[in-house]
Amino acid sequence: MKTLFARFAKDESGATAIEYGLIAALIAVALITVLGTMSDELEATFTRVQTDLATANAQ
């Protein structure tokens, strides 16, 4: 029984998978944050273009 627990304590294969999962989660959070910021800027740009086109067509 002691050897089973000792072998389980030394096994690090699960730790590697957890580390990769944490890295993937961190990258996902970073992407969501960056894309959220960019979406506001893109929306403002397209709104400005729409307004400029409407003004140009009205003339």
N, C-alpha and C. Protein backbone atom coordinates (compact mmCIF):
# COMPACT_ATOMS: atom_id res chain seq x y z
N MET A 1 0.83 -1.19 0.00
CA MET A 1 0.00 0.00 0.00
C MET A 1 0.88 1.26 0.00
N LYS A 2 1.98 1.22 0.76
CA LYS A 2 2.88 2.37 0.80
C LYS A 2 3.49 2.63 -0.57
N THR A 3 3.83 1.56 -1.27
CA THR A 3 4.45 1.75 -2.59
C THR A 3 3.45 2.37 -3.57
N LEU A 4 2.18 2.02 -3.43
CA LEU A 4 1.16 2.59 -4.31
C LEU A 4 1.06 4.09 -4.09
N PHE A 5 1.02 4.52 -2.84
CA PHE A 5 0.96 5.95 -2.55
C PHE A 5 2.24 6.66 -2.96
N ALA A 6 3.37 6.04 -2.78
CA ALA A 6 4.65 6.64 -3.18
C ALA A 6 4.70 6.81 -4.69
N ARG A 7 4.26 5.81 -5.43
CA ARG A 7 4.24 5.89 -6.88
C ARG A 7 3.27 6.98 -7.35
N PHE A 8 2.12 7.08 -6.69
CA PHE A 8 1.13 8.11 -7.03
C PHE A 8 1.68 9.51 -6.77
N ALA A 9 2.42 9.68 -5.68
CA ALA A 9 2.98 10.98 -5.33
C ALA A 9 4.06 11.40 -6.33
N LYS A 10 4.81 10.44 -6.88
CA LYS A 10 5.88 10.75 -7.81
C LYS A 10 5.39 10.95 -9.25
N ASP A 11 4.19 10.48 -9.54
CA ASP A 11 3.65 10.59 -10.90
C ASP A 11 3.32 12.05 -11.21
N GLU A 12 3.95 12.63 -12.22
CA GLU A 12 3.74 14.03 -12.57
C GLU A 12 3.06 14.20 -13.93
N SER A 13 2.56 13.15 -14.52
CA SER A 13 1.95 13.27 -15.84
C SER A 13 0.66 14.10 -15.78
N GLY A 14 -0.09 14.00 -14.73
CA GLY A 14 -1.30 14.80 -14.58
C GLY A 14 -0.99 16.27 -14.35
N ALA A 15 0.13 16.54 -13.68
CA ALA A 15 0.52 17.93 -13.43
C ALA A 15 0.82 18.64 -14.74
N THR A 16 1.43 17.94 -15.68
CA THR A 16 1.73 18.55 -16.97
C THR A 16 0.45 18.92 -17.70
N ALA A 17 -0.53 18.05 -17.67
CA ALA A 17 -1.81 18.33 -18.33
C ALA A 17 -2.50 19.53 -17.68
N ILE A 18 -2.43 19.62 -16.37
CA ILE A 18 -3.03 20.74 -15.66
C ILE A 18 -2.32 22.04 -16.03
N GLU A 19 -0.99 22.00 -16.13
CA GLU A 19 -0.23 23.19 -16.52
C GLU A 19 -0.62 23.66 -17.91
N TYR A 20 -0.74 22.72 -18.85
CA TYR A 20 -1.16 23.09 -20.20
C TYR A 20 -2.58 23.66 -20.19
N GLY A 21 -3.43 23.12 -19.38
CA GLY A 21 -4.79 23.64 -19.26
C GLY A 21 -4.81 25.06 -18.71
N LEU A 22 -3.98 25.32 -17.71
CA LEU A 22 -3.90 26.67 -17.15
C LEU A 22 -3.34 27.66 -18.17
N ILE A 23 -2.35 27.25 -18.94
CA ILE A 23 -1.79 28.12 -19.97
C ILE A 23 -2.85 28.42 -21.03
N ALA A 24 -3.59 27.41 -21.45
CA ALA A 24 -4.64 27.61 -22.45
C ALA A 24 -5.72 28.55 -21.91
N ALA A 25 -6.07 28.41 -20.65
CA ALA A 25 -7.07 29.30 -20.05
C ALA A 25 -6.57 30.73 -19.99
N LEU A 26 -5.30 30.92 -19.66
CA LEU A 26 -4.71 32.25 -19.60
C LEU A 26 -4.70 32.90 -20.98
N ILE A 27 -4.36 32.13 -22.01
CA ILE A 27 -4.36 32.65 -23.38
C ILE A 27 -5.78 33.02 -23.79
N ALA A 28 -6.76 32.19 -23.43
CA ALA A 28 -8.15 32.47 -23.78
C ALA A 28 -8.62 33.77 -23.12
N VAL A 29 -8.27 33.98 -21.87
CA VAL A 29 -8.67 35.21 -21.17
C VAL A 29 -8.02 36.42 -21.84
N ALA A 30 -6.75 36.30 -22.21
CA ALA A 30 -6.05 37.40 -22.88
C ALA A 30 -6.71 37.71 -24.23
N LEU A 31 -7.06 36.68 -25.00
CA LEU A 31 -7.70 36.90 -26.29
C LEU A 31 -9.07 37.57 -26.14
N ILE A 32 -9.83 37.12 -25.18
CA ILE A 32 -11.16 37.71 -24.95
C ILE A 32 -11.02 39.19 -24.58
N THR A 33 -10.03 39.50 -23.75
CA THR A 33 -9.82 40.89 -23.34
C THR A 33 -9.42 41.75 -24.53
N VAL A 34 -8.46 41.27 -25.31
CA VAL A 34 -7.98 42.05 -26.47
C VAL A 34 -9.09 42.22 -27.50
N LEU A 35 -9.80 41.14 -27.81
CA LEU A 35 -10.86 41.23 -28.81
C LEU A 35 -12.02 42.10 -28.33
N GLY A 36 -12.28 42.11 -27.05
CA GLY A 36 -13.31 42.99 -26.51
C GLY A 36 -12.95 44.45 -26.69
N THR A 37 -11.69 44.78 -26.48
CA THR A 37 -11.22 46.14 -26.70
C THR A 37 -11.27 46.51 -28.17
N MET A 38 -10.84 45.61 -29.02
CA MET A 38 -10.83 45.88 -30.45
C MET A 38 -12.24 46.00 -31.02
N SER A 39 -13.19 45.28 -30.47
CA SER A 39 -14.56 45.34 -31.01
C SER A 39 -15.15 46.72 -30.82
N ASP A 40 -14.86 47.37 -29.70
CA ASP A 40 -15.36 48.73 -29.49
C ASP A 40 -14.77 49.70 -30.51
N GLU A 41 -13.47 49.55 -30.78
CA GLU A 41 -12.81 50.42 -31.76
C GLU A 41 -13.34 50.17 -33.17
N LEU A 42 -13.56 48.90 -33.50
CA LEU A 42 -14.10 48.58 -34.83
C LEU A 42 -15.52 49.12 -34.99
N GLU A 43 -16.31 48.99 -33.96
CA GLU A 43 -17.68 49.51 -34.03
C GLU A 43 -17.67 51.02 -34.25
N ALA A 44 -16.79 51.72 -33.56
CA ALA A 44 -16.68 53.18 -33.72
C ALA A 44 -16.22 53.53 -35.14
N THR A 45 -15.29 52.77 -35.67
CA THR A 45 -14.80 53.01 -37.03
C THR A 45 -15.90 52.82 -38.05
N PHE A 46 -16.64 51.73 -37.96
CA PHE A 46 -17.71 51.47 -38.92
C PHE A 46 -18.85 52.48 -38.78
N THR A 47 -19.12 52.93 -37.58
CA THR A 47 -20.14 53.96 -37.39
C THR A 47 -19.70 55.26 -38.05
N ARG A 48 -18.42 55.60 -37.91
CA ARG A 48 -17.90 56.81 -38.54
C ARG A 48 -17.96 56.70 -40.06
N VAL A 49 -17.61 55.54 -40.60
CA VAL A 49 -17.68 55.33 -42.05
C VAL A 49 -19.12 55.43 -42.53
N GLN A 50 -20.05 54.84 -41.80
CA GLN A 50 -21.47 54.90 -42.17
C GLN A 50 -21.95 56.35 -42.19
N THR A 51 -21.57 57.11 -41.18
CA THR A 51 -21.98 58.52 -41.12
C THR A 51 -21.38 59.30 -42.28
N ASP A 52 -20.10 59.08 -42.58
CA ASP A 52 -19.45 59.79 -43.68
C ASP A 52 -20.08 59.42 -45.02
N LEU A 53 -20.43 58.17 -45.21
CA LEU A 53 -21.07 57.76 -46.46
C LEU A 53 -22.47 58.36 -46.60
N ALA A 54 -23.21 58.40 -45.51
CA ALA A 54 -24.54 58.99 -45.53
C ALA A 54 -24.45 60.48 -45.84
N THR A 55 -23.46 61.17 -45.28
CA THR A 55 -23.26 62.60 -45.55
C THR A 55 -22.87 62.81 -47.01
N ALA A 56 -21.98 61.96 -47.53
CA ALA A 56 -21.55 62.10 -48.91
C ALA A 56 -22.70 61.84 -49.89
N ASN A 57 -23.57 60.90 -49.59
CA ASN A 57 -24.70 60.59 -50.45
C ASN A 57 -25.77 61.68 -50.40
N ALA A 58 -25.86 62.40 -49.29
CA ALA A 58 -26.88 63.44 -49.13
C ALA A 58 -26.55 64.67 -49.95
N GLN A 59 -25.30 64.84 -50.31
CA GLN A 59 -24.90 66.05 -51.04
C GLN A 59 -25.22 65.96 -52.47
